[in-house]
């Protein structure tokens, strides 16, 4: 995985929120689509990264999670990409009606 997605990831969980920080290099985008030259830097790739993390965390916790982008080299000029993954179980779940 490190060859395909180089860089350093720092993850820290505080309650139901995971703080994700990706260091792709000094202000360099860590997205392989951009880094490998397939597409020019564009904020939509940052949104794609949100979906990637969302998919990974949902596979682990077994329910929907929310991921938000706080900083990125493309969107905000940050030296790192920073995201929050909100792991809290959805509070409202539809239940089938009880049968008697």
C-alpha atoms as a PDB file:
ATOM      1  CA  UNK A   1       0.000   0.000   0.000  1.00  0.00           C
ATOM      2  CA  UNK A   2       2.817   2.407   0.769  1.00  0.00           C
ATOM      3  CA  UNK A   3       4.142   2.151  -2.797  1.00  0.00           C
ATOM      4  CA  UNK A   4       0.772   3.024  -4.295  1.00  0.00           C
ATOM      5  CA  UNK A   5      -0.165   5.589  -1.638  1.00  0.00           C
ATOM      6  CA  UNK A   6       3.150   7.003  -0.412  1.00  0.00           C
ATOM      7  CA  UNK A   7       3.273   9.414   2.459  1.00  0.00           C
ATOM      8  CA  UNK A   8       2.712   9.267   6.155  1.00  0.00           C
ATOM      9  CA  UNK A   9      -0.697   8.982   7.750  1.00  0.00           C
ATOM     10  CA  UNK A  10      -1.421   9.994  11.297  1.00  0.00           C
ATOM     11  CA  UNK A  11      -4.674   8.760  12.806  1.00  0.00           C
ATOM     12  CA  UNK A  12      -5.901   9.701  16.251  1.00  0.00           C
ATOM     13  CA  UNK A  13      -9.246   8.670  17.680  1.00  0.00           C
ATOM     14  CA  UNK A  14     -11.028  10.863  20.193  1.00  0.00           C
ATOM     15  CA  UNK A  15     -14.364   9.358  21.145  1.00  0.00           C
ATOM     16  CA  UNK A  16     -16.396   8.823  17.992  1.00  0.00           C
ATOM     17  CA  UNK A  17     -14.160  10.985  15.775  1.00  0.00           C
ATOM     18  CA  UNK A  18     -10.961   9.927  14.012  1.00  0.00           C
ATOM     19  CA  UNK A  19      -8.559  12.744  13.076  1.00  0.00           C
ATOM     20  CA  UNK A  20      -6.748  11.800   9.833  1.00  0.00           C
ATOM     21  CA  UNK A  21      -3.688  13.687   8.647  1.00  0.00           C
ATOM     22  CA  UNK A  22      -1.905  12.743   5.420  1.00  0.00           C
ATOM     23  CA  UNK A  23       1.602  13.980   4.716  1.00  0.00           C
ATOM     24  CA  UNK A  24       2.236  13.505   0.988  1.00  0.00           C
ATOM     25  CA  UNK A  25       5.307  15.717   1.046  1.00  0.00           C
ATOM     26  CA  UNK A  26       5.893  19.428   1.575  1.00  0.00           C
ATOM     27  CA  UNK A  27       2.637  20.745   0.177  1.00  0.00           C
ATOM     28  CA  UNK A  28       2.388  17.921  -2.367  1.00  0.00           C
ATOM     29  CA  UNK A  29      -0.879  16.197  -3.119  1.00  0.00           C
ATOM     30  CA  UNK A  30      -0.887  12.587  -1.926  1.00  0.00           C
ATOM     31  CA  UNK A  31      -3.710  11.533  -4.272  1.00  0.00           C
ATOM     32  CA  UNK A  32      -2.374   8.916  -6.715  1.00  0.00           C
ATOM     33  CA  UNK A  33      -4.643  10.211  -9.513  1.00  0.00           C
ATOM     34  CA  UNK A  34      -2.937  13.620  -9.296  1.00  0.00           C
ATOM     35  CA  UNK A  35       0.529  12.480  -8.240  1.00  0.00           C
ATOM     36  CA  UNK A  36       0.809   9.966 -11.116  1.00  0.00           C
ATOM     37  CA  UNK A  37      -0.188  12.644 -13.646  1.00  0.00           C
ATOM     38  CA  UNK A  38      -3.540  11.152 -14.687  1.00  0.00           C
ATOM     39  CA  UNK A  39      -5.363  14.409 -13.926  1.00  0.00           C
ATOM     40  CA  UNK A  40      -4.470  17.956 -12.973  1.00  0.00           C
ATOM     41  CA  UNK A  41      -4.962  18.984  -9.337  1.00  0.00           C
ATOM     42  CA  UNK A  42      -8.613  19.742  -8.713  1.00  0.00           C
ATOM     43  CA  UNK A  43     -10.694  19.906  -5.507  1.00  0.00           C
ATOM     44  CA  UNK A  44     -12.904  17.058  -6.761  1.00  0.00           C
ATOM     45  CA  UNK A  45     -10.037  14.657  -6.057  1.00  0.00           C
ATOM     46  CA  UNK A  46     -10.115  15.800  -2.437  1.00  0.00           C
ATOM     47  CA  UNK A  47     -13.794  14.800  -2.327  1.00  0.00           C
ATOM     48  CA  UNK A  48     -12.825  11.456  -3.848  1.00  0.00           C
ATOM     49  CA  UNK A  49     -10.404  11.014  -0.930  1.00  0.00           C
ATOM     50  CA  UNK A  50     -13.288  11.597   1.467  1.00  0.00           C
ATOM     51  CA  UNK A  51     -15.214   8.761  -0.187  1.00  0.00           C
ATOM     52  CA  UNK A  52     -12.151   6.506  -0.036  1.00  0.00           C
ATOM     53  CA  UNK A  53     -11.778   7.018   3.724  1.00  0.00           C
ATOM     54  CA  UNK A  54     -15.556   6.720   4.176  1.00  0.00           C
ATOM     55  CA  UNK A  55     -15.522   3.323   2.455  1.00  0.00           C
ATOM     56  CA  UNK A  56     -12.591   2.098   4.563  1.00  0.00           C
ATOM     57  CA  UNK A  57     -14.112   3.167   7.890  1.00  0.00           C
ATOM     58  CA  UNK A  58     -17.576   1.844   7.012  1.00  0.00           C
ATOM     59  CA  UNK A  59     -16.044  -1.542   6.230  1.00  0.00           C
ATOM     60  CA  UNK A  60     -14.508  -1.576   9.708  1.00  0.00           C
ATOM     61  CA  UNK A  61     -17.384  -0.252  11.839  1.00  0.00           C
ATOM     62  CA  UNK A  62     -20.225  -1.789   9.830  1.00  0.00           C
ATOM     63  CA  UNK A  63     -22.439   1.285   9.534  1.00  0.00           C
ATOM     64  CA  UNK A  64     -22.466   4.624   7.687  1.00  0.00           C
ATOM     65  CA  UNK A  65     -19.912   7.239   8.724  1.00  0.00           C
ATOM     66  CA  UNK A  66     -19.322  10.833   7.691  1.00  0.00           C
ATOM     67  CA  UNK A  67     -15.930  12.134   6.519  1.00  0.00           C
ATOM     68  CA  UNK A  68     -15.169  15.819   6.175  1.00  0.00           C
ATOM     69  CA  UNK A  69     -12.166  17.558   4.654  1.00  0.00           C
ATOM     70  CA  UNK A  70     -10.699  20.315   6.829  1.00  0.00           C
ATOM     71  CA  UNK A  71      -7.497  21.152   4.905  1.00  0.00           C
ATOM     72  CA  UNK A  72      -5.686  20.084   1.744  1.00  0.00           C
ATOM     73  CA  UNK A  73      -2.850  21.375  -0.416  1.00  0.00           C
ATOM     74  CA  UNK A  74      -5.275  21.768  -3.336  1.00  0.00           C
ATOM     75  CA  UNK A  75      -8.285  23.318  -1.588  1.00  0.00           C
ATOM     76  CA  UNK A  76      -6.710  25.413   1.151  1.00  0.00           C
ATOM     77  CA  UNK A  77      -2.982  25.505   0.397  1.00  0.00           C
ATOM     78  CA  UNK A  78      -2.176  23.457   3.500  1.00  0.00           C
ATOM     79  CA  UNK A  79       1.020  21.391   3.713  1.00  0.00           C
ATOM     80  CA  UNK A  80      -1.052  18.343   4.719  1.00  0.00           C
ATOM     81  CA  UNK A  81      -4.494  16.899   4.099  1.00  0.00           C
ATOM     82  CA  UNK A  82      -6.639  16.833   7.219  1.00  0.00           C
ATOM     83  CA  UNK A  83      -9.935  14.987   7.548  1.00  0.00           C
ATOM     84  CA  UNK A  84     -12.313  13.972  10.315  1.00  0.00           C
ATOM     85  CA  UNK A  85     -14.144  10.650  10.234  1.00  0.00           C
ATOM     86  CA  UNK A  86     -17.274  10.726  12.390  1.00  0.00           C
ATOM     87  CA  UNK A  87     -17.911   7.147  13.520  1.00  0.00           C
ATOM     88  CA  UNK A  88     -21.037   7.667  15.622  1.00  0.00           C
ATOM     89  CA  UNK A  89     -23.775   5.154  14.923  1.00  0.00           C
ATOM     90  CA  UNK A  90     -26.665   6.774  13.081  1.00  0.00           C
ATOM     91  CA  UNK A  91     -29.245   7.728  15.711  1.00  0.00           C
ATOM     92  CA  UNK A  92     -32.292   7.076  13.556  1.00  0.00           C
ATOM     93  CA  UNK A  93     -32.751   3.667  12.040  1.00  0.00           C
ATOM     94  CA  UNK A  94     -35.853   2.480  10.292  1.00  0.00           C
ATOM     95  CA  UNK A  95     -37.307  -0.611  11.916  1.00  0.00           C
ATOM     96  CA  UNK A  96     -39.808  -2.900  10.285  1.00  0.00           C
ATOM     97  CA  UNK A  97     -43.229  -2.730  11.900  1.00  0.00           C
ATOM     98  CA  UNK A  98     -43.797  -5.339  14.566  1.00  0.00           C
ATOM     99  CA  UNK A  99     -46.204  -8.084  13.632  1.00  0.00           C
ATOM    100  CA  UNK A 100     -48.571  -9.638  16.116  1.00  0.00           C
END
